[in-house]
């Protein structure tokens, strides 16, 4: 029974991931102004460029990337 429950859990995760990817592709295919109206992508999902706190000591820019960036 343990093997069957593991397979069931993995299948559930796999199909949920497929649904999520399908939904993201559908949302990405919408025009940018409609995406903005419905709040897609969330601001935290986009790439954020910012300067480090000690910007006076360094001239490089730090690039923060969220794990949920749609491709």
PDB file of N, CA and C in Angstrom:
ATOM      1  N   UNK A   1       0.813  -1.208   0.000  1.00  0.00           N
ATOM      2  CA  UNK A   1       0.000   0.000   0.000  1.00  0.00           C
ATOM      3  C   UNK A   1       0.853   1.266   0.000  1.00  0.00           C
ATOM      4  N   UNK A   2       2.004   1.208   0.624  1.00  0.00           N
ATOM      5  CA  UNK A   2       2.860   2.385   0.678  1.00  0.00           C
ATOM      6  C   UNK A   2       3.303   2.799  -0.724  1.00  0.00           C
ATOM      7  N   UNK A   3       3.611   1.829  -1.565  1.00  0.00           N
ATOM      8  CA  UNK A   3       4.056   2.138  -2.927  1.00  0.00           C
ATOM      9  C   UNK A   3       2.918   2.784  -3.715  1.00  0.00           C
ATOM     10  N   UNK A   4       1.710   2.258  -3.574  1.00  0.00           N
ATOM     11  CA  UNK A   4       0.573   2.823  -4.300  1.00  0.00           C
ATOM     12  C   UNK A   4       0.278   4.250  -3.866  1.00  0.00           C
ATOM     13  N   UNK A   5       0.371   4.519  -2.568  1.00  0.00           N
ATOM     14  CA  UNK A   5       0.106   5.884  -2.105  1.00  0.00           C
ATOM     15  C   UNK A   5       1.187   6.846  -2.603  1.00  0.00           C
ATOM     16  N   UNK A   6       2.421   6.370  -2.698  1.00  0.00           N
ATOM     17  CA  UNK A   6       3.503   7.208  -3.212  1.00  0.00           C
ATOM     18  C   UNK A   6       3.276   7.515  -4.691  1.00  0.00           C
ATOM     19  N   UNK A   7       2.902   6.493  -5.464  1.00  0.00           N
ATOM     20  CA  UNK A   7       2.629   6.692  -6.886  1.00  0.00           C
ATOM     21  C   UNK A   7       1.454   7.646  -7.066  1.00  0.00           C
ATOM     22  N   UNK A   8       0.431   7.485  -6.249  1.00  0.00           N
ATOM     23  CA  UNK A   8      -0.737   8.368  -6.341  1.00  0.00           C
ATOM     24  C   UNK A   8      -0.354   9.814  -6.037  1.00  0.00           C
ATOM     25  N   UNK A   9       0.479  10.006  -5.015  1.00  0.00           N
ATOM     26  CA  UNK A   9       0.916  11.354  -4.642  1.00  0.00           C
ATOM     27  C   UNK A   9       1.737  11.980  -5.768  1.00  0.00           C
ATOM     28  N   UNK A  10       2.657  11.192  -6.346  1.00  0.00           N
ATOM     29  CA  UNK A  10       3.487  11.710  -7.434  1.00  0.00           C
ATOM     30  C   UNK A  10       2.653  12.042  -8.665  1.00  0.00           C
ATOM     31  N   UNK A  11       1.674  11.191  -8.987  1.00  0.00           N
ATOM     32  CA  UNK A  11       0.792  11.458 -10.125  1.00  0.00           C
ATOM     33  C   UNK A  11      -0.013  12.731  -9.884  1.00  0.00           C
ATOM     34  N   UNK A  12      -0.487  12.908  -8.657  1.00  0.00           N
ATOM     35  CA  UNK A  12      -1.259  14.107  -8.306  1.00  0.00           C
ATOM     36  C   UNK A  12      -0.399  15.356  -8.491  1.00  0.00           C
ATOM     37  N   UNK A  13       0.846  15.319  -7.999  1.00  0.00           N
ATOM     38  CA  UNK A  13       1.748  16.461  -8.149  1.00  0.00           C
ATOM     39  C   UNK A  13       2.037  16.752  -9.618  1.00  0.00           C
ATOM     40  N   UNK A  14       2.247  15.691 -10.404  1.00  0.00           N
ATOM     41  CA  UNK A  14       2.542  15.839 -11.825  1.00  0.00           C
ATOM     42  C   UNK A  14       1.382  16.516 -12.564  1.00  0.00           C
ATOM     43  N   UNK A  15       0.158  16.034 -12.333  1.00  0.00           N
ATOM     44  CA  UNK A  15      -0.990  16.607 -13.024  1.00  0.00           C
ATOM     45  C   UNK A  15      -1.299  18.027 -12.554  1.00  0.00           C
ATOM     46  N   UNK A  16      -1.055  18.308 -11.279  1.00  0.00           N
ATOM     47  CA  UNK A  16      -1.222  19.685 -10.805  1.00  0.00           C
ATOM     48  C   UNK A  16      -0.220  20.610 -11.473  1.00  0.00           C
ATOM     49  N   UNK A  17       1.020  20.131 -11.653  1.00  0.00           N
ATOM     50  CA  UNK A  17       2.030  20.947 -12.323  1.00  0.00           C
ATOM     51  C   UNK A  17       1.637  21.196 -13.779  1.00  0.00           C
ATOM     52  N   UNK A  18       1.111  20.173 -14.458  1.00  0.00           N
ATOM     53  CA  UNK A  18       0.661  20.349 -15.842  1.00  0.00           C
ATOM     54  C   UNK A  18      -0.451  21.387 -15.934  1.00  0.00           C
ATOM     55  N   UNK A  19      -1.412  21.323 -15.000  1.00  0.00           N
ATOM     56  CA  UNK A  19      -2.502  22.305 -15.004  1.00  0.00           C
ATOM     57  C   UNK A  19      -1.965  23.709 -14.763  1.00  0.00           C
ATOM     58  N   UNK A  20      -1.012  23.834 -13.844  1.00  0.00           N
ATOM     59  CA  UNK A  20      -0.436  25.141 -13.545  1.00  0.00           C
ATOM     60  C   UNK A  20       0.288  25.707 -14.775  1.00  0.00           C
ATOM     61  N   UNK A  21       1.080  24.873 -15.441  1.00  0.00           N
ATOM     62  CA  UNK A  21       1.802  25.330 -16.626  1.00  0.00           C
ATOM     63  C   UNK A  21       0.844  25.723 -17.744  1.00  0.00           C
ATOM     64  N   UNK A  22      -0.217  24.962 -17.917  1.00  0.00           N
ATOM     65  CA  UNK A  22      -1.211  25.272 -18.950  1.00  0.00           C
ATOM     66  C   UNK A  22      -1.875  26.617 -18.654  1.00  0.00           C
ATOM     67  N   UNK A  23      -2.207  26.838 -17.381  1.00  0.00           N
ATOM     68  CA  UNK A  23      -2.833  28.099 -16.979  1.00  0.00           C
ATOM     69  C   UNK A  23      -1.885  29.269 -17.202  1.00  0.00           C
ATOM     70  N   UNK A  24      -0.605  29.093 -16.829  1.00  0.00           N
ATOM     71  CA  UNK A  24       0.367  30.168 -17.020  1.00  0.00           C
ATOM     72  C   UNK A  24       0.558  30.486 -18.501  1.00  0.00           C
ATOM     73  N   UNK A  25       0.619  29.473 -19.352  1.00  0.00           N
ATOM     74  CA  UNK A  25       0.744  29.716 -20.791  1.00  0.00           C
ATOM     75  C   UNK A  25      -0.460  30.473 -21.328  1.00  0.00           C
ATOM     76  N   UNK A  26      -1.647  30.102 -20.850  1.00  0.00           N
ATOM     77  CA  UNK A  26      -2.864  30.778 -21.297  1.00  0.00           C
ATOM     78  C   UNK A  26      -2.838  32.251 -20.867  1.00  0.00           C
ATOM     79  N   UNK A  27      -2.433  32.510 -19.623  1.00  0.00           N
ATOM     80  CA  UNK A  27      -2.367  33.887 -19.136  1.00  0.00           C
ATOM     81  C   UNK A  27      -1.302  34.689 -19.880  1.00  0.00           C
ATOM     82  N   UNK A  28      -0.191  34.049 -20.202  1.00  0.00           N
ATOM     83  CA  UNK A  28       0.872  34.747 -20.928  1.00  0.00           C
ATOM     84  C   UNK A  28       0.473  35.054 -22.367  1.00  0.00           C
ATOM     85  N   UNK A  29      -0.465  34.303 -22.902  1.00  0.00           N
ATOM     86  CA  UNK A  29      -0.891  34.559 -24.276  1.00  0.00           C
ATOM     87  C   UNK A  29      -1.852  35.748 -24.380  1.00  0.00           C
ATOM     88  N   UNK A  30      -2.365  36.214 -23.242  1.00  0.00           N
ATOM     89  CA  UNK A  30      -3.253  37.375 -23.242  1.00  0.00           C
ATOM     90  C   UNK A  30      -2.459  38.641 -23.541  1.00  0.00           C
ATOM     91  N   UNK A  31      -3.093  39.663 -24.102  1.00  0.00           N
ATOM     92  CA  UNK A  31      -2.400  40.943 -24.308  1.00  0.00           C
ATOM     93  C   UNK A  31      -1.919  41.522 -22.975  1.00  0.00           C
ATOM     94  N   UNK A  32      -0.823  42.245 -23.034  1.00  0.00           N
ATOM     95  CA  UNK A  32      -0.182  42.777 -21.819  1.00  0.00           C
ATOM     96  C   UNK A  32      -1.141  43.652 -20.997  1.00  0.00           C
ATOM     97  N   UNK A  33      -1.994  44.438 -21.656  1.00  0.00           N
ATOM     98  CA  UNK A  33      -2.893  45.324 -20.905  1.00  0.00           C
ATOM     99  C   UNK A  33      -3.934  44.509 -20.132  1.00  0.00           C
ATOM    100  N   UNK A  34      -4.366  43.376 -20.671  1.00  0.00           N
ATOM    101  CA  UNK A  34      -5.318  42.529 -19.938  1.00  0.00           C
ATOM    102  C   UNK A  34      -4.603  41.836 -18.778  1.00  0.00           C
ATOM    103  N   UNK A  35      -3.361  41.397 -19.014  1.00  0.00           N
ATOM    104  CA  UNK A  35      -2.586  40.802 -17.924  1.00  0.00           C
ATOM    105  C   UNK A  35      -2.453  41.786 -16.770  1.00  0.00           C
ATOM    106  N   UNK A  36      -2.200  43.032 -17.098  1.00  0.00           N
ATOM    107  CA  UNK A  36      -2.048  44.065 -16.068  1.00  0.00           C
ATOM    108  C   UNK A  36      -3.370  44.278 -15.316  1.00  0.00           C
ATOM    109  N   UNK A  37      -4.494  44.258 -16.048  1.00  0.00           N
ATOM    110  CA  UNK A  37      -5.803  44.453 -15.425  1.00  0.00           C
ATOM    111  C   UNK A  37      -6.137  43.358 -14.418  1.00  0.00           C
ATOM    112  N   UNK A  38      -5.753  42.122 -14.730  1.00  0.00           N
ATOM    113  CA  UNK A  38      -6.077  41.022 -13.816  1.00  0.00           C
ATOM    114  C   UNK A  38      -4.981  40.771 -12.790  1.00  0.00           C
ATOM    115  N   UNK A  39      -3.894  41.558 -12.863  1.00  0.00           N
ATOM    116  CA  UNK A  39      -2.830  41.437 -11.870  1.00  0.00           C
ATOM    117  C   UNK A  39      -1.868  40.302 -12.154  1.00  0.00           C
ATOM    118  N   UNK A  40      -1.635  39.999 -13.430  1.00  0.00           N
ATOM    119  CA  UNK A  40      -0.701  38.941 -13.791  1.00  0.00           C
ATOM    120  C   UNK A  40       0.480  39.562 -14.503  1.00  0.00           C
ATOM    121  N   UNK A  41       1.677  39.209 -14.216  1.00  0.00           N
ATOM    122  CA  UNK A  41       2.136  38.465 -13.053  1.00  0.00           C
ATOM    123  C   UNK A  41       2.155  39.349 -11.823  1.00  0.00           C
ATOM    124  N   UNK A  42       2.188  38.733 -10.686  1.00  0.00           N
ATOM    125  CA  UNK A  42       2.267  39.479  -9.437  1.00  0.00           C
ATOM    126  C   UNK A  42       3.604  40.203  -9.400  1.00  0.00           C
ATOM    127  N   UNK A  43       3.672  41.369  -8.764  1.00  0.00           N
ATOM    128  CA  UNK A  43       4.935  42.107  -8.721  1.00  0.00           C
ATOM    129  C   UNK A  43       6.087  41.277  -8.138  1.00  0.00           C
ATOM    130  N   UNK A  44       5.800  40.395  -7.197  1.00  0.00           N
ATOM    131  CA  UNK A  44       6.845  39.574  -6.595  1.00  0.00           C
ATOM    132  C   UNK A  44       7.349  38.506  -7.557  1.00  0.00           C
ATOM    133  N   UNK A  45       6.600  38.204  -8.613  1.00  0.00           N
ATOM    134  CA  UNK A  45       6.987  37.183  -9.568  1.00  0.00           C
ATOM    135  C   UNK A  45       7.916  37.704 -10.649  1.00  0.00           C
ATOM    136  N   UNK A  46       8.031  39.000 -10.784  1.00  0.00           N
ATOM    137  CA  UNK A  46       8.850  39.585 -11.831  1.00  0.00           C
ATOM    138  C   UNK A  46      10.278  39.786 -11.343  1.00  0.00           C
ATOM    139  N   UNK A  47      11.173  39.955 -12.278  1.00  0.00           N
ATOM    140  CA  UNK A  47      12.570  40.212 -11.949  1.00  0.00           C
ATOM    141  C   UNK A  47      12.675  41.609 -11.368  1.00  0.00           C
ATOM    142  N   UNK A  48      13.390  41.726 -10.277  1.00  0.00           N
ATOM    143  CA  UNK A  48      13.536  43.008  -9.595  1.00  0.00           C
ATOM    144  C   UNK A  48      15.008  43.394  -9.610  1.00  0.00           C
ATOM    145  N   UNK A  49      15.293  44.589 -10.092  1.00  0.00           N
ATOM    146  CA  UNK A  49      16.656  45.107 -10.048  1.00  0.00           C
ATOM    147  C   UNK A  49      16.722  46.166  -8.963  1.00  0.00           C
ATOM    148  N   UNK A  50      17.729  46.038  -8.114  1.00  0.00           N
ATOM    149  CA  UNK A  50      17.902  47.044  -7.066  1.00  0.00           C
ATOM    150  C   UNK A  50      19.373  47.190  -6.751  1.00  0.00           C
ATOM    151  N   UNK A  51      19.701  48.292  -6.118  1.00  0.00           N
ATOM    152  CA  UNK A  51      21.089  48.514  -5.716  1.00  0.00           C
ATOM    153  C   UNK A  51      21.263  48.015  -4.298  1.00  0.00           C
ATOM    154  N   UNK A  52      22.431  47.460  -3.976  1.00  0.00           N
ATOM    155  CA  UNK A  52      22.677  47.015  -2.608  1.00  0.00           C
ATOM    156  C   UNK A  52      22.666  48.191  -1.638  1.00  0.00           C
ATOM    157  N   UNK A  53      22.463  47.899  -0.369  1.00  0.00           N
ATOM    158  CA  UNK A  53      22.398  48.968   0.637  1.00  0.00           C
ATOM    159  C   UNK A  53      23.692  49.762   0.707  1.00  0.00           C
ATOM    160  N   UNK A  54      24.797  49.095   0.537  1.00  0.00           N
ATOM    161  CA  UNK A  54      26.075  49.806   0.579  1.00  0.00           C
ATOM    162  C   UNK A  54      26.501  50.189  -0.835  1.00  0.00           C
ATOM    163  N   UNK A  55      25.580  50.814  -1.572  1.00  0.00           N
ATOM    164  CA  UNK A  55      25.811  51.188  -2.971  1.00  0.00           C
ATOM    165  C   UNK A  55      26.977  52.164  -3.113  1.00  0.00           C
ATOM    166  N   UNK A  56      27.284  52.877  -2.052  1.00  0.00           N
ATOM    167  CA  UNK A  56      28.392  53.825  -2.129  1.00  0.00           C
ATOM    168  C   UNK A  56      29.718  53.077  -2.291  1.00  0.00           C
ATOM    169  N   UNK A  57      29.794  51.867  -1.760  1.00  0.00           N
ATOM    170  CA  UNK A  57      31.030  51.096  -1.810  1.00  0.00           C
ATOM    171  C   UNK A  57      31.178  50.274  -3.089  1.00  0.00           C
ATOM    172  N   UNK A  58      30.100  50.060  -3.796  1.00  0.00           N
ATOM    173  CA  UNK A  58      30.159  49.228  -4.992  1.00  0.00           C
ATOM    174  C   UNK A  58      29.266  49.818  -6.075  1.00  0.00           C
ATOM    175  N   UNK A  59      29.614  49.583  -7.319  1.00  0.00           N
ATOM    176  CA  UNK A  59      28.816  50.125  -8.411  1.00  0.00           C
ATOM    177  C   UNK A  59      27.986  49.047  -9.108  1.00  0.00           C
ATOM    178  N   UNK A  60      28.028  47.816  -8.611  1.00  0.00           N
ATOM    179  CA  UNK A  60      27.278  46.743  -9.283  1.00  0.00           C
ATOM    180  C   UNK A  60      25.830  46.709  -8.815  1.00  0.00           C
ATOM    181  N   UNK A  61      24.958  46.211  -9.669  1.00  0.00           N
ATOM    182  CA  UNK A  61      23.542  46.082  -9.369  1.00  0.00           C
ATOM    183  C   UNK A  61      23.245  44.630  -9.038  1.00  0.00           C
ATOM    184  N   UNK A  62      22.461  44.402  -7.994  1.00  0.00           N
ATOM    185  CA  UNK A  62      22.085  43.056  -7.591  1.00  0.00           C
ATOM    186  C   UNK A  62      20.801  42.684  -8.301  1.00  0.00           C
ATOM    187  N   UNK A  63      20.747  41.484  -8.855  1.00  0.00           N
ATOM    188  CA  UNK A  63      19.559  41.023  -9.572  1.00  0.00           C
ATOM    189  C   UNK A  63      18.876  39.943  -8.732  1.00  0.00           C
ATOM    190  N   UNK A  64      17.654  40.232  -8.296  1.00  0.00           N
ATOM    191  CA  UNK A  64      16.864  39.289  -7.519  1.00  0.00           C
ATOM    192  C   UNK A  64      15.847  38.643  -8.431  1.00  0.00           C
ATOM    193  N   UNK A  65      15.768  37.328  -8.402  1.00  0.00           N
ATOM    194  CA  UNK A  65      14.824  36.610  -9.256  1.00  0.00           C
ATOM    195  C   UNK A  65      13.971  35.706  -8.387  1.00  0.00           C
ATOM    196  N   UNK A  66      12.672  35.816  -8.540  1.00  0.00           N
ATOM    197  CA  UNK A  66      11.746  34.964  -7.819  1.00  0.00           C
ATOM    198  C   UNK A  66      11.717  33.582  -8.460  1.00  0.00           C
ATOM    199  N   UNK A  67      11.385  32.567  -7.667  1.00  0.00           N
ATOM    200  CA  UNK A  67      11.332  31.203  -8.181  1.00  0.00           C
ATOM    201  C   UNK A  67      10.113  30.971  -9.052  1.00  0.00           C
ATOM    202  N   UNK A  68       9.155  31.863  -9.050  1.00  0.00           N
ATOM    203  CA  UNK A  68       7.907  31.652  -9.782  1.00  0.00           C
ATOM    204  C   UNK A  68       7.818  32.467 -11.066  1.00  0.00           C
ATOM    205  N   UNK A  69       8.941  32.777 -11.644  1.00  0.00           N
ATOM    206  CA  UNK A  69       8.889  33.562 -12.875  1.00  0.00           C
ATOM    207  C   UNK A  69       8.401  32.682 -14.009  1.00  0.00           C
ATOM    208  N   UNK A  70       7.354  33.094 -14.662  1.00  0.00           N
ATOM    209  CA  UNK A  70       6.891  32.313 -15.809  1.00  0.00           C
ATOM    210  C   UNK A  70       7.860  32.425 -16.962  1.00  0.00           C
ATOM    211  N   UNK A  71       8.064  31.360 -17.658  1.00  0.00           N
ATOM    212  CA  UNK A  71       9.007  31.348 -18.784  1.00  0.00           C
ATOM    213  C   UNK A  71       8.329  31.675 -20.077  1.00  0.00           C
TER     214      UNK A  71
END
